[in-house]
């Protein structure tokens, strides 16, 4: 989607303290061989803080930095990947109440977005459509929050090439202006790879209700018993190029114009071979040096990377950032963001 006149007014993140991979190896929680192979040095862990509460903490930081206020918000789009709370409960309404409703005494619509780790991109796209559908609408709040601590998941072993972290993130999107402009956003669905993260597990009863632990490696192994690596490479790389070509064309830029690229946290080899090399971009433009120390933060990866780069002075006015993510299904999503000015909270 080509985006016109929608800006990022502020971002806020909640990335808790990290547990080092070396410590996890010493404790027997992480395989020494995987530690050496992946180069992943740590993972963010937040004991006892629920995903929706991390989203609220991130939103508080975003509002503390924003020029728009809570009263300007016309809708909340809350993103999650894992279990947020009690069954049959809607976390987005809780997040709306604690970020906007209680503060201004006004109820605004709240929507939950679930597209796995690409949920942020769908939330951005839906927020753009929502704001553009009515000229009276001005501002949308996007929140993300997941705590992955669970007996159903082993953050050190459940996902090949990755460590699974906890985090919250938030962005205030507005028609009125901001430090950055959203130039394009979208998703490409590689439907041929739908079963990559499903494997041969039954979809009913859901494994979470039977207390079956998550093992993405086993599901992937199931997938490759009936499909070849050549097919996987062809479909996934074609999807990557299809999406990035579309995003850059809609943004009116070329890949060579991109200053930095964010991705989900994965091993150095995976990041280089599945993203940077196919795009013809050097690893120096990736966010891997940051991502390797915090783990895969579900849908918060990209806002966390953006916030880090801004704070470190590694993104400056005039720079373009390409965000690319993968999610089960297989969806490839992304966005192009242009930095217009030094964020006011850093001035």
C-alpha atoms as a PDB file:
ATOM      1  CA  UNK A   1       0.000   0.000   0.000  1.00  0.00           C
ATOM      2  CA  UNK A   2       1.301   3.424  -0.946  1.00  0.00           C
ATOM      3  CA  UNK A   3       0.813   5.676   2.058  1.00  0.00           C
ATOM      4  CA  UNK A   4       0.402   9.420   1.847  1.00  0.00           C
ATOM      5  CA  UNK A   5       0.387  11.868   4.728  1.00  0.00           C
ATOM      6  CA  UNK A   6       0.418   9.392   7.605  1.00  0.00           C
ATOM      7  CA  UNK A   7       3.190  10.054  10.099  1.00  0.00           C
ATOM      8  CA  UNK A   8       4.775   8.415  13.124  1.00  0.00           C
ATOM      9  CA  UNK A   9       4.413  10.982  15.882  1.00  0.00           C
ATOM     10  CA  UNK A  10       6.213   8.887  18.504  1.00  0.00           C
ATOM     11  CA  UNK A  11       7.284   5.389  19.480  1.00  0.00           C
ATOM     12  CA  UNK A  12       7.706   3.787  22.859  1.00  0.00           C
ATOM     13  CA  UNK A  13       9.057   0.420  23.893  1.00  0.00           C
ATOM     14  CA  UNK A  14       9.313  -1.807  26.908  1.00  0.00           C
ATOM     15  CA  UNK A  15      12.243  -4.187  26.453  1.00  0.00           C
ATOM     16  CA  UNK A  16      13.102  -5.833  29.782  1.00  0.00           C
ATOM     17  CA  UNK A  17      16.506  -6.881  31.021  1.00  0.00           C
ATOM     18  CA  UNK A  18      18.189  -9.667  29.113  1.00  0.00           C
ATOM     19  CA  UNK A  19      19.437 -13.056  30.180  1.00  0.00           C
ATOM     20  CA  UNK A  20      22.759 -13.883  28.555  1.00  0.00           C
ATOM     21  CA  UNK A  21      23.063 -16.918  26.321  1.00  0.00           C
ATOM     22  CA  UNK A  22      26.347 -17.820  28.001  1.00  0.00           C
ATOM     23  CA  UNK A  23      24.584 -17.979  31.358  1.00  0.00           C
ATOM     24  CA  UNK A  24      21.824 -20.127  29.858  1.00  0.00           C
ATOM     25  CA  UNK A  25      24.432 -22.517  28.443  1.00  0.00           C
ATOM     26  CA  UNK A  26      26.107 -22.765  31.848  1.00  0.00           C
ATOM     27  CA  UNK A  27      22.725 -23.490  33.437  1.00  0.00           C
ATOM     28  CA  UNK A  28      21.927 -26.184  30.877  1.00  0.00           C
ATOM     29  CA  UNK A  29      18.991 -24.283  29.380  1.00  0.00           C
ATOM     30  CA  UNK A  30      20.612 -23.560  25.996  1.00  0.00           C
ATOM     31  CA  UNK A  31      22.678 -25.801  23.784  1.00  0.00           C
ATOM     32  CA  UNK A  32      26.317 -24.783  23.540  1.00  0.00           C
ATOM     33  CA  UNK A  33      26.440 -25.766  19.864  1.00  0.00           C
ATOM     34  CA  UNK A  34      23.423 -23.572  19.066  1.00  0.00           C
ATOM     35  CA  UNK A  35      25.020 -20.693  20.973  1.00  0.00           C
ATOM     36  CA  UNK A  36      28.166 -20.938  18.865  1.00  0.00           C
ATOM     37  CA  UNK A  37      26.272 -21.422  15.601  1.00  0.00           C
ATOM     38  CA  UNK A  38      23.722 -18.629  15.910  1.00  0.00           C
ATOM     39  CA  UNK A  39      25.763 -15.850  17.536  1.00  0.00           C
ATOM     40  CA  UNK A  40      22.719 -14.872  19.615  1.00  0.00           C
ATOM     41  CA  UNK A  41      24.006 -13.411  22.866  1.00  0.00           C
ATOM     42  CA  UNK A  42      20.889 -12.874  24.970  1.00  0.00           C
ATOM     43  CA  UNK A  43      17.135 -12.667  25.256  1.00  0.00           C
ATOM     44  CA  UNK A  44      14.810 -10.180  26.959  1.00  0.00           C
ATOM     45  CA  UNK A  45      12.835 -11.756  29.803  1.00  0.00           C
ATOM     46  CA  UNK A  46      10.136 -10.090  31.896  1.00  0.00           C
ATOM     47  CA  UNK A  47       8.978 -12.394  34.719  1.00  0.00           C
ATOM     48  CA  UNK A  48       5.433 -11.746  35.852  1.00  0.00           C
ATOM     49  CA  UNK A  49       4.562  -8.833  33.529  1.00  0.00           C
ATOM     50  CA  UNK A  50       1.660  -9.710  31.253  1.00  0.00           C
ATOM     51  CA  UNK A  51       1.801  -8.956  27.546  1.00  0.00           C
ATOM     52  CA  UNK A  52      -1.042  -6.404  27.673  1.00  0.00           C
ATOM     53  CA  UNK A  53       0.667  -4.631  30.573  1.00  0.00           C
ATOM     54  CA  UNK A  54       3.905  -4.421  28.572  1.00  0.00           C
ATOM     55  CA  UNK A  55       1.865  -2.880  25.752  1.00  0.00           C
ATOM     56  CA  UNK A  56       0.470  -0.319  28.195  1.00  0.00           C
ATOM     57  CA  UNK A  57       3.959   0.513  29.514  1.00  0.00           C
ATOM     58  CA  UNK A  58       5.188   1.025  25.956  1.00  0.00           C
ATOM     59  CA  UNK A  59       2.201   3.239  25.155  1.00  0.00           C
ATOM     60  CA  UNK A  60       2.886   5.351  28.258  1.00  0.00           C
ATOM     61  CA  UNK A  61       6.391   6.008  26.934  1.00  0.00           C
ATOM     62  CA  UNK A  62       5.040   6.800  23.480  1.00  0.00           C
ATOM     63  CA  UNK A  63       2.560   9.334  24.891  1.00  0.00           C
ATOM     64  CA  UNK A  64       5.282  10.907  27.051  1.00  0.00           C
ATOM     65  CA  UNK A  65       7.168  11.591  23.813  1.00  0.00           C
ATOM     66  CA  UNK A  66       4.227  12.455  21.554  1.00  0.00           C
ATOM     67  CA  UNK A  67       2.930  15.786  20.348  1.00  0.00           C
ATOM     68  CA  UNK A  68      -0.520  14.228  19.951  1.00  0.00           C
ATOM     69  CA  UNK A  69      -2.429  13.515  23.149  1.00  0.00           C
ATOM     70  CA  UNK A  70      -4.623  10.679  24.351  1.00  0.00           C
ATOM     71  CA  UNK A  71      -7.645  12.849  23.557  1.00  0.00           C
ATOM     72  CA  UNK A  72      -6.614  12.866  19.893  1.00  0.00           C
ATOM     73  CA  UNK A  73      -6.725   9.060  19.590  1.00  0.00           C
ATOM     74  CA  UNK A  74      -9.563   7.756  17.431  1.00  0.00           C
ATOM     75  CA  UNK A  75      -8.821   4.032  17.645  1.00  0.00           C
ATOM     76  CA  UNK A  76      -6.484   1.508  19.265  1.00  0.00           C
ATOM     77  CA  UNK A  77      -4.990  -1.413  17.343  1.00  0.00           C
ATOM     78  CA  UNK A  78      -3.489  -3.978  19.712  1.00  0.00           C
ATOM     79  CA  UNK A  79      -1.178  -6.703  18.402  1.00  0.00           C
ATOM     80  CA  UNK A  80      -0.420 -10.008  20.105  1.00  0.00           C
ATOM     81  CA  UNK A  81       1.092 -13.371  19.173  1.00  0.00           C
ATOM     82  CA  UNK A  82       0.779 -15.530  22.282  1.00  0.00           C
ATOM     83  CA  UNK A  83      -1.790 -16.059  25.038  1.00  0.00           C
ATOM     84  CA  UNK A  84      -2.680 -12.650  26.496  1.00  0.00           C
ATOM     85  CA  UNK A  85      -4.821 -13.622  29.489  1.00  0.00           C
ATOM     86  CA  UNK A  86      -8.012 -15.476  30.405  1.00  0.00           C
ATOM     87  CA  UNK A  87      -9.702 -17.430  27.634  1.00  0.00           C
ATOM     88  CA  UNK A  88     -12.579 -15.576  25.931  1.00  0.00           C
ATOM     89  CA  UNK A  89     -11.179 -12.230  27.172  1.00  0.00           C
ATOM     90  CA  UNK A  90     -10.367  -9.380  24.797  1.00  0.00           C
ATOM     91  CA  UNK A  91      -7.000  -7.844  25.620  1.00  0.00           C
ATOM     92  CA  UNK A  92      -7.466  -4.908  23.244  1.00  0.00           C
ATOM     93  CA  UNK A  93     -10.266  -3.477  25.380  1.00  0.00           C
ATOM     94  CA  UNK A  94      -8.072  -3.666  28.482  1.00  0.00           C
ATOM     95  CA  UNK A  95      -5.255  -1.884  26.634  1.00  0.00           C
ATOM     96  CA  UNK A  96      -7.647   0.802  25.355  1.00  0.00           C
ATOM     97  CA  UNK A  97      -9.011   1.385  28.846  1.00  0.00           C
ATOM     98  CA  UNK A  98      -5.560   1.793  30.402  1.00  0.00           C
ATOM     99  CA  UNK A  99      -3.995   3.882  27.656  1.00  0.00           C
ATOM    100  CA  UNK A 100      -6.872   6.117  26.573  1.00  0.00           C
ATOM    101  CA  UNK A 101     -10.227   5.410  28.216  1.00  0.00           C
ATOM    102  CA  UNK A 102      -9.396   5.971  31.878  1.00  0.00           C
ATOM    103  CA  UNK A 103      -7.243   9.022  31.158  1.00  0.00           C
ATOM    104  CA  UNK A 104      -9.671  10.990  29.009  1.00  0.00           C
ATOM    105  CA  UNK A 105     -12.993   9.442  29.992  1.00  0.00           C
ATOM    106  CA  UNK A 106     -13.783   8.618  26.382  1.00  0.00           C
ATOM    107  CA  UNK A 107     -14.210   5.227  24.818  1.00  0.00           C
ATOM    108  CA  UNK A 108     -12.710   4.664  21.373  1.00  0.00           C
ATOM    109  CA  UNK A 109     -12.839   1.485  19.281  1.00  0.00           C
ATOM    110  CA  UNK A 110     -10.178  -1.113  20.000  1.00  0.00           C
ATOM    111  CA  UNK A 111      -9.214  -3.894  17.614  1.00  0.00           C
ATOM    112  CA  UNK A 112      -7.011  -6.927  18.139  1.00  0.00           C
ATOM    113  CA  UNK A 113      -4.663  -7.783  15.266  1.00  0.00           C
ATOM    114  CA  UNK A 114      -3.241 -11.295  15.044  1.00  0.00           C
ATOM    115  CA  UNK A 115      -0.910 -12.011  12.153  1.00  0.00           C
ATOM    116  CA  UNK A 116       1.793 -13.672  14.164  1.00  0.00           C
ATOM    117  CA  UNK A 117       5.053 -11.768  14.274  1.00  0.00           C
ATOM    118  CA  UNK A 118       3.917  -9.546  11.384  1.00  0.00           C
ATOM    119  CA  UNK A 119       1.023  -8.095  13.339  1.00  0.00           C
ATOM    120  CA  UNK A 120       2.562  -4.631  13.541  1.00  0.00           C
ATOM    121  CA  UNK A 121       2.484  -4.261   9.768  1.00  0.00           C
ATOM    122  CA  UNK A 122      -1.169  -5.278   9.563  1.00  0.00           C
ATOM    123  CA  UNK A 123      -1.997  -2.904  12.411  1.00  0.00           C
ATOM    124  CA  UNK A 124      -0.269  -0.081  10.535  1.00  0.00           C
ATOM    125  CA  UNK A 125      -2.141  -0.910   7.333  1.00  0.00           C
ATOM    126  CA  UNK A 126      -5.488  -1.114   9.102  1.00  0.00           C
ATOM    127  CA  UNK A 127      -4.794   2.109  11.004  1.00  0.00           C
ATOM    128  CA  UNK A 128      -4.012   3.926   7.742  1.00  0.00           C
ATOM    129  CA  UNK A 129      -7.279   2.704   6.223  1.00  0.00           C
ATOM    130  CA  UNK A 130      -9.219   3.619   9.362  1.00  0.00           C
ATOM    131  CA  UNK A 131      -7.832   7.142   9.487  1.00  0.00           C
ATOM    132  CA  UNK A 132      -8.335   7.719   5.764  1.00  0.00           C
ATOM    133  CA  UNK A 133     -11.941   6.436   5.828  1.00  0.00           C
ATOM    134  CA  UNK A 134     -13.185   9.514   7.720  1.00  0.00           C
ATOM    135  CA  UNK A 135     -11.692  12.995   7.473  1.00  0.00           C
ATOM    136  CA  UNK A 136     -12.596  13.617  11.127  1.00  0.00           C
ATOM    137  CA  UNK A 137     -10.240  10.870  12.284  1.00  0.00           C
ATOM    138  CA  UNK A 138      -6.737  12.025  13.056  1.00  0.00           C
ATOM    139  CA  UNK A 139      -4.725   9.664  15.270  1.00  0.00           C
ATOM    140  CA  UNK A 140      -4.376   5.938  15.919  1.00  0.00           C
ATOM    141  CA  UNK A 141      -2.522   4.160  18.703  1.00  0.00           C
ATOM    142  CA  UNK A 142      -0.797   0.882  17.830  1.00  0.00           C
ATOM    143  CA  UNK A 143       0.283  -1.297  20.750  1.00  0.00           C
ATOM    144  CA  UNK A 144       2.092  -4.640  20.949  1.00  0.00           C
ATOM    145  CA  UNK A 145       2.781  -6.881  23.914  1.00  0.00           C
ATOM    146  CA  UNK A 146       3.706 -10.508  24.514  1.00  0.00           C
ATOM    147  CA  UNK A 147       5.134 -12.383  27.483  1.00  0.00           C
ATOM    148  CA  UNK A 148       6.328 -15.748  26.189  1.00  0.00           C
ATOM    149  CA  UNK A 149       7.029 -17.341  29.573  1.00  0.00           C
ATOM    150  CA  UNK A 150       4.993 -20.540  29.593  1.00  0.00           C
ATOM    151  CA  UNK A 151       5.320 -24.280  30.178  1.00  0.00           C
ATOM    152  CA  UNK A 152       4.085 -24.574  26.585  1.00  0.00           C
ATOM    153  CA  UNK A 153       7.151 -22.788  25.211  1.00  0.00           C
ATOM    154  CA  UNK A 154      10.905 -23.015  25.733  1.00  0.00           C
ATOM    155  CA  UNK A 155      12.372 -19.670  24.717  1.00  0.00           C
ATOM    156  CA  UNK A 156      15.809 -21.293  24.275  1.00  0.00           C
ATOM    157  CA  UNK A 157      14.771 -24.297  22.177  1.00  0.00           C
ATOM    158  CA  UNK A 158      11.264 -23.929  20.693  1.00  0.00           C
ATOM    159  CA  UNK A 159      12.333 -22.097  17.523  1.00  0.00           C
ATOM    160  CA  UNK A 160      15.318 -22.976  15.302  1.00  0.00           C
ATOM    161  CA  UNK A 161      17.848 -20.159  14.779  1.00  0.00           C
ATOM    162  CA  UNK A 162      16.053 -17.941  17.322  1.00  0.00           C
ATOM    163  CA  UNK A 163      15.633 -17.065  20.980  1.00  0.00           C
ATOM    164  CA  UNK A 164      12.154 -15.945  21.976  1.00  0.00           C
ATOM    165  CA  UNK A 165      11.915 -12.761  24.027  1.00  0.00           C
ATOM    166  CA  UNK A 166       9.330 -10.666  25.865  1.00  0.00           C
ATOM    167  CA  UNK A 167       8.560  -7.062  24.946  1.00  0.00           C
ATOM    168  CA  UNK A 168       6.031  -4.329  24.440  1.00  0.00           C
ATOM    169  CA  UNK A 169       6.025  -1.613  21.792  1.00  0.00           C
ATOM    170  CA  UNK A 170       3.799   1.228  20.693  1.00  0.00           C
ATOM    171  CA  UNK A 171       3.489   3.858  17.974  1.00  0.00           C
ATOM    172  CA  UNK A 172       1.284   6.919  17.638  1.00  0.00           C
ATOM    173  CA  UNK A 173       0.249   7.380  14.004  1.00  0.00           C
ATOM    174  CA  UNK A 174      -1.235  10.679  12.895  1.00  0.00           C
ATOM    175  CA  UNK A 175      -2.302  12.723   9.917  1.00  0.00           C
ATOM    176  CA  UNK A 176      -1.042  15.835  11.674  1.00  0.00           C
ATOM    177  CA  UNK A 177       2.685  15.166  11.353  1.00  0.00           C
ATOM    178  CA  UNK A 178       5.540  13.455  13.101  1.00  0.00           C
ATOM    179  CA  UNK A 179       9.269  12.790  13.145  1.00  0.00           C
ATOM    180  CA  UNK A 180       8.862  10.089  10.483  1.00  0.00           C
ATOM    181  CA  UNK A 181       6.604   9.370   7.539  1.00  0.00           C
ATOM    182  CA  UNK A 182       5.157   5.987   6.677  1.00  0.00           C
ATOM    183  CA  UNK A 183       5.723   5.735   2.941  1.00  0.00           C
ATOM    184  CA  UNK A 184       4.497   2.191   2.253  1.00  0.00           C
ATOM    185  CA  UNK A 185       3.294  -0.893   4.082  1.00  0.00           C
ATOM    186  CA  UNK A 186       2.016  -4.287   3.015  1.00  0.00           C
ATOM    187  CA  UNK A 187       2.009  -8.077   3.133  1.00  0.00           C
ATOM    188  CA  UNK A 188       2.646 -10.843   0.629  1.00  0.00           C
ATOM    189  CA  UNK A 189       1.221 -14.264   1.463  1.00  0.00           C
ATOM    190  CA  UNK A 190       3.253 -17.260   0.301  1.00  0.00           C
ATOM    191  CA  UNK A 191       0.357 -19.689   0.471  1.00  0.00           C
ATOM    192  CA  UNK A 192       2.441 -22.596  -0.825  1.00  0.00           C
ATOM    193  CA  UNK A 193       4.283 -22.587   2.515  1.00  0.00           C
ATOM    194  CA  UNK A 194       1.192 -22.462   4.749  1.00  0.00           C
ATOM    195  CA  UNK A 195       2.043 -25.713   6.539  1.00  0.00           C
ATOM    196  CA  UNK A 196       5.662 -24.771   7.342  1.00  0.00           C
ATOM    197  CA  UNK A 197       4.777 -23.791  10.920  1.00  0.00           C
ATOM    198  CA  UNK A 198       1.842 -26.204  11.259  1.00  0.00           C
ATOM    199  CA  UNK A 199       3.534 -29.430  10.296  1.00  0.00           C
ATOM    200  CA  UNK A 200       1.280 -32.426  10.757  1.00  0.00           C
ATOM    201  CA  UNK A 201      -0.185 -31.337  14.095  1.00  0.00           C
ATOM    202  CA  UNK A 202      -3.988 -31.491  14.228  1.00  0.00           C
ATOM    203  CA  UNK A 203      -5.708 -28.127  14.393  1.00  0.00           C
ATOM    204  CA  UNK A 204      -8.353 -29.576  16.725  1.00  0.00           C
ATOM    205  CA  UNK A 205      -8.223 -29.825  19.596  1.00  0.00           C
ATOM    206  CA  UNK A 206      -5.809 -26.891  19.737  1.00  0.00           C
ATOM    207  CA  UNK A 207      -2.507 -28.014  21.282  1.00  0.00           C
ATOM    208  CA  UNK A 208      -2.692 -25.239  23.872  1.00  0.00           C
ATOM    209  CA  UNK A 209      -5.814 -26.867  25.324  1.00  0.00           C
ATOM    210  CA  UNK A 210      -4.081 -30.228  25.582  1.00  0.00           C
ATOM    211  CA  UNK A 211      -0.921 -28.709  27.109  1.00  0.00           C
ATOM    212  CA  UNK A 212       1.218 -29.781  24.153  1.00  0.00           C
ATOM    213  CA  UNK A 213       4.436 -27.704  24.032  1.00  0.00           C
ATOM    214  CA  UNK A 214       5.417 -25.623  21.022  1.00  0.00           C
ATOM    215  CA  UNK A 215       8.162 -27.109  18.855  1.00  0.00           C
ATOM    216  CA  UNK A 216       8.577 -25.188  15.613  1.00  0.00           C
ATOM    217  CA  UNK A 217      11.620 -27.270  14.708  1.00  0.00           C
ATOM    218  CA  UNK A 218       9.561 -30.473  14.725  1.00  0.00           C
ATOM    219  CA  UNK A 219       6.851 -28.851  12.636  1.00  0.00           C
ATOM    220  CA  UNK A 220       9.428 -27.651  10.141  1.00  0.00           C
ATOM    221  CA  UNK A 221      10.888 -31.160   9.943  1.00  0.00           C
ATOM    222  CA  UNK A 222       7.391 -32.494   9.206  1.00  0.00           C
ATOM    223  CA  UNK A 223       7.003 -29.949   6.417  1.00  0.00           C
ATOM    224  CA  UNK A 224      10.256 -30.963   4.745  1.00  0.00           C
ATOM    225  CA  UNK A 225       9.248 -34.612   4.650  1.00  0.00           C
ATOM    226  CA  UNK A 226       6.829 -33.707   1.865  1.00  0.00           C
ATOM    227  CA  UNK A 227       8.454 -30.581   0.380  1.00  0.00           C
ATOM    228  CA  UNK A 228      12.008 -29.895  -0.753  1.00  0.00           C
ATOM    229  CA  UNK A 229      14.390 -27.189   0.411  1.00  0.00           C
ATOM    230  CA  UNK A 230      14.589 -26.058  -3.213  1.00  0.00           C
ATOM    231  CA  UNK A 231      10.837 -25.424  -3.236  1.00  0.00           C
ATOM    232  CA  UNK A 232      11.036 -23.598   0.077  1.00  0.00           C
ATOM    233  CA  UNK A 233      13.870 -21.388  -1.148  1.00  0.00           C
ATOM    234  CA  UNK A 234      12.147 -20.626  -4.423  1.00  0.00           C
ATOM    235  CA  UNK A 235       8.789 -19.707  -2.912  1.00  0.00           C
ATOM    236  CA  UNK A 236      10.186 -17.760   0.056  1.00  0.00           C
ATOM    237  CA  UNK A 237      12.750 -15.765  -1.922  1.00  0.00           C
ATOM    238  CA  UNK A 238      10.263 -15.017  -4.697  1.00  0.00           C
ATOM    239  CA  UNK A 239       7.915 -13.740  -1.998  1.00  0.00           C
ATOM    240  CA  UNK A 240      10.638 -11.592  -0.450  1.00  0.00           C
ATOM    241  CA  UNK A 241      11.479  -9.975  -3.788  1.00  0.00           C
ATOM    242  CA  UNK A 242       7.819  -9.513  -4.707  1.00  0.00           C
ATOM    243  CA  UNK A 243       7.137  -7.660  -1.477  1.00  0.00           C
ATOM    244  CA  UNK A 244      10.288  -5.524  -1.368  1.00  0.00           C
ATOM    245  CA  UNK A 245       9.881  -4.553  -5.018  1.00  0.00           C
ATOM    246  CA  UNK A 246       6.330  -3.460  -4.292  1.00  0.00           C
ATOM    247  CA  UNK A 247       7.184  -1.603  -1.091  1.00  0.00           C
ATOM    248  CA  UNK A 248      10.063   0.322  -2.620  1.00  0.00           C
ATOM    249  CA  UNK A 249       8.091   1.159  -5.774  1.00  0.00           C
ATOM    250  CA  UNK A 250       5.146   2.412  -3.735  1.00  0.00           C
ATOM    251  CA  UNK A 251       7.513   4.429  -1.548  1.00  0.00           C
ATOM    252  CA  UNK A 252       9.242   5.868  -4.624  1.00  0.00           C
ATOM    253  CA  UNK A 253      12.690   4.674  -3.548  1.00  0.00           C
ATOM    254  CA  UNK A 254      15.286   2.085  -4.513  1.00  0.00           C
ATOM    255  CA  UNK A 255      16.818  -0.566  -2.301  1.00  0.00           C
ATOM    256  CA  UNK A 256      20.168   1.175  -2.577  1.00  0.00           C
ATOM    257  CA  UNK A 257      18.546   4.226  -0.943  1.00  0.00           C
ATOM    258  CA  UNK A 258      17.792   2.275   2.250  1.00  0.00           C
ATOM    259  CA  UNK A 259      19.946   3.208   5.240  1.00  0.00           C
ATOM    260  CA  UNK A 260      18.900   0.416   7.636  1.00  0.00           C
ATOM    261  CA  UNK A 261      16.886  -2.810   7.503  1.00  0.00           C
ATOM    262  CA  UNK A 262      15.093  -4.410  10.444  1.00  0.00           C
ATOM    263  CA  UNK A 263      14.202  -8.092  10.650  1.00  0.00           C
ATOM    264  CA  UNK A 264      13.124 -10.457  13.376  1.00  0.00           C
ATOM    265  CA  UNK A 265      16.005 -11.540  15.583  1.00  0.00           C
ATOM    266  CA  UNK A 266      17.548 -14.692  14.135  1.00  0.00           C
ATOM    267  CA  UNK A 267      21.011 -16.148  13.720  1.00  0.00           C
ATOM    268  CA  UNK A 268      23.539 -14.128  11.773  1.00  0.00           C
ATOM    269  CA  UNK A 269      23.612 -16.702   8.979  1.00  0.00           C
ATOM    270  CA  UNK A 270      19.820 -16.749   8.702  1.00  0.00           C
ATOM    271  CA  UNK A 271      19.642 -12.940   8.608  1.00  0.00           C
ATOM    272  CA  UNK A 272      22.383 -12.676   6.025  1.00  0.00           C
ATOM    273  CA  UNK A 273      21.307 -15.546   3.769  1.00  0.00           C
ATOM    274  CA  UNK A 274      17.521 -15.120   3.988  1.00  0.00           C
ATOM    275  CA  UNK A 275      17.359 -11.315   3.888  1.00  0.00           C
ATOM    276  CA  UNK A 276      20.421  -9.208   3.275  1.00  0.00           C
ATOM    277  CA  UNK A 277      22.202 -11.203   0.563  1.00  0.00           C
ATOM    278  CA  UNK A 278      19.035 -11.765  -1.513  1.00  0.00           C
ATOM    279  CA  UNK A 279      18.391  -8.013  -1.381  1.00  0.00           C
ATOM    280  CA  UNK A 280      21.983  -7.219  -2.308  1.00  0.00           C
ATOM    281  CA  UNK A 281      22.531  -5.261   0.899  1.00  0.00           C
ATOM    282  CA  UNK A 282      25.483  -5.498   3.313  1.00  0.00           C
ATOM    283  CA  UNK A 283      25.009  -6.809   6.836  1.00  0.00           C
ATOM    284  CA  UNK A 284      26.166  -3.418   8.125  1.00  0.00           C
ATOM    285  CA  UNK A 285      22.757  -2.072   7.113  1.00  0.00           C
ATOM    286  CA  UNK A 286      20.931  -4.716   9.148  1.00  0.00           C
ATOM    287  CA  UNK A 287      19.889  -4.379  12.796  1.00  0.00           C
ATOM    288  CA  UNK A 288      21.430  -7.712  13.743  1.00  0.00           C
ATOM    289  CA  UNK A 289      23.980  -6.271  16.148  1.00  0.00           C
ATOM    290  CA  UNK A 290      21.081  -4.998  18.268  1.00  0.00           C
ATOM    291  CA  UNK A 291      18.699  -7.892  17.658  1.00  0.00           C
ATOM    292  CA  UNK A 292      21.204 -10.600  18.618  1.00  0.00           C
ATOM    293  CA  UNK A 293      21.195  -9.401  22.219  1.00  0.00           C
ATOM    294  CA  UNK A 294      17.445  -9.146  22.862  1.00  0.00           C
ATOM    295  CA  UNK A 295      15.948 -12.101  21.009  1.00  0.00           C
ATOM    296  CA  UNK A 296      12.939 -12.351  18.744  1.00  0.00           C
ATOM    297  CA  UNK A 297      10.424  -9.981  20.363  1.00  0.00           C
ATOM    298  CA  UNK A 298       7.357 -11.307  18.515  1.00  0.00           C
ATOM    299  CA  UNK A 299       5.691  -8.376  16.728  1.00  0.00           C
ATOM    300  CA  UNK A 300       7.740  -5.785  18.658  1.00  0.00           C
ATOM    301  CA  UNK A 301      10.995  -6.432  16.753  1.00  0.00           C
ATOM    302  CA  UNK A 302      10.739  -3.525  14.339  1.00  0.00           C
ATOM    303  CA  UNK A 303       9.603  -0.761  16.681  1.00  0.00           C
ATOM    304  CA  UNK A 304      12.236  -1.888  19.184  1.00  0.00           C
ATOM    305  CA  UNK A 305      14.898  -1.674  16.466  1.00  0.00           C
ATOM    306  CA  UNK A 306      13.623   1.724  15.313  1.00  0.00           C
ATOM    307  CA  UNK A 307      13.654   3.084  18.868  1.00  0.00           C
ATOM    308  CA  UNK A 308      17.175   1.736  19.426  1.00  0.00           C
ATOM    309  CA  UNK A 309      18.569   3.180  16.187  1.00  0.00           C
ATOM    310  CA  UNK A 310      17.060   6.585  16.893  1.00  0.00           C
ATOM    311  CA  UNK A 311      18.446   6.671  20.420  1.00  0.00           C
ATOM    312  CA  UNK A 312      21.883   5.580  19.235  1.00  0.00           C
ATOM    313  CA  UNK A 313      21.963   8.253  16.522  1.00  0.00           C
ATOM    314  CA  UNK A 314      22.143   5.580  13.812  1.00  0.00           C
ATOM    315  CA  UNK A 315      19.087   6.947  11.978  1.00  0.00           C
ATOM    316  CA  UNK A 316      19.068  10.634  11.101  1.00  0.00           C
ATOM    317  CA  UNK A 317      16.806  12.953   9.116  1.00  0.00           C
ATOM    318  CA  UNK A 318      16.704  11.908   5.474  1.00  0.00           C
ATOM    319  CA  UNK A 319      17.348   8.234   6.214  1.00  0.00           C
ATOM    320  CA  UNK A 320      15.048   5.481   4.973  1.00  0.00           C
ATOM    321  CA  UNK A 321      14.375   2.336   6.983  1.00  0.00           C
ATOM    322  CA  UNK A 322      13.059  -0.874   5.449  1.00  0.00           C
ATOM    323  CA  UNK A 323      11.272  -3.205   7.849  1.00  0.00           C
ATOM    324  CA  UNK A 324      10.778  -6.835   6.796  1.00  0.00           C
ATOM    325  CA  UNK A 325       9.215  -9.635   8.820  1.00  0.00           C
ATOM    326  CA  UNK A 326       8.189 -13.266   8.475  1.00  0.00           C
ATOM    327  CA  UNK A 327       5.207 -14.928  10.116  1.00  0.00           C
ATOM    328  CA  UNK A 328       3.747 -18.388   9.975  1.00  0.00           C
ATOM    329  CA  UNK A 329       1.446 -19.062   7.144  1.00  0.00           C
ATOM    330  CA  UNK A 330       3.847 -17.980   5.441  1.00  0.00           C
ATOM    331  CA  UNK A 331       3.408 -14.215   5.337  1.00  0.00           C
ATOM    332  CA  UNK A 332       6.135 -11.738   4.466  1.00  0.00           C
ATOM    333  CA  UNK A 333       5.321  -8.201   5.557  1.00  0.00           C
ATOM    334  CA  UNK A 334       7.111  -4.888   5.583  1.00  0.00           C
ATOM    335  CA  UNK A 335       7.154  -1.130   5.496  1.00  0.00           C
ATOM    336  CA  UNK A 336       9.295   1.767   4.353  1.00  0.00           C
ATOM    337  CA  UNK A 337       9.718   4.583   6.877  1.00  0.00           C
ATOM    338  CA  UNK A 338      11.387   7.935   6.165  1.00  0.00           C
ATOM    339  CA  UNK A 339      13.004   9.863   9.027  1.00  0.00           C
ATOM    340  CA  UNK A 340      11.982  13.499   8.619  1.00  0.00           C
ATOM    341  CA  UNK A 341      13.449  15.086  11.743  1.00  0.00           C
ATOM    342  CA  UNK A 342      15.247  14.290  14.972  1.00  0.00           C
ATOM    343  CA  UNK A 343      12.491  13.112  17.329  1.00  0.00           C
ATOM    344  CA  UNK A 344      11.585  15.857  19.821  1.00  0.00           C
ATOM    345  CA  UNK A 345      12.452  13.645  22.798  1.00  0.00           C
ATOM    346  CA  UNK A 346      16.032  13.382  21.486  1.00  0.00           C
ATOM    347  CA  UNK A 347      16.473  17.048  20.576  1.00  0.00           C
END
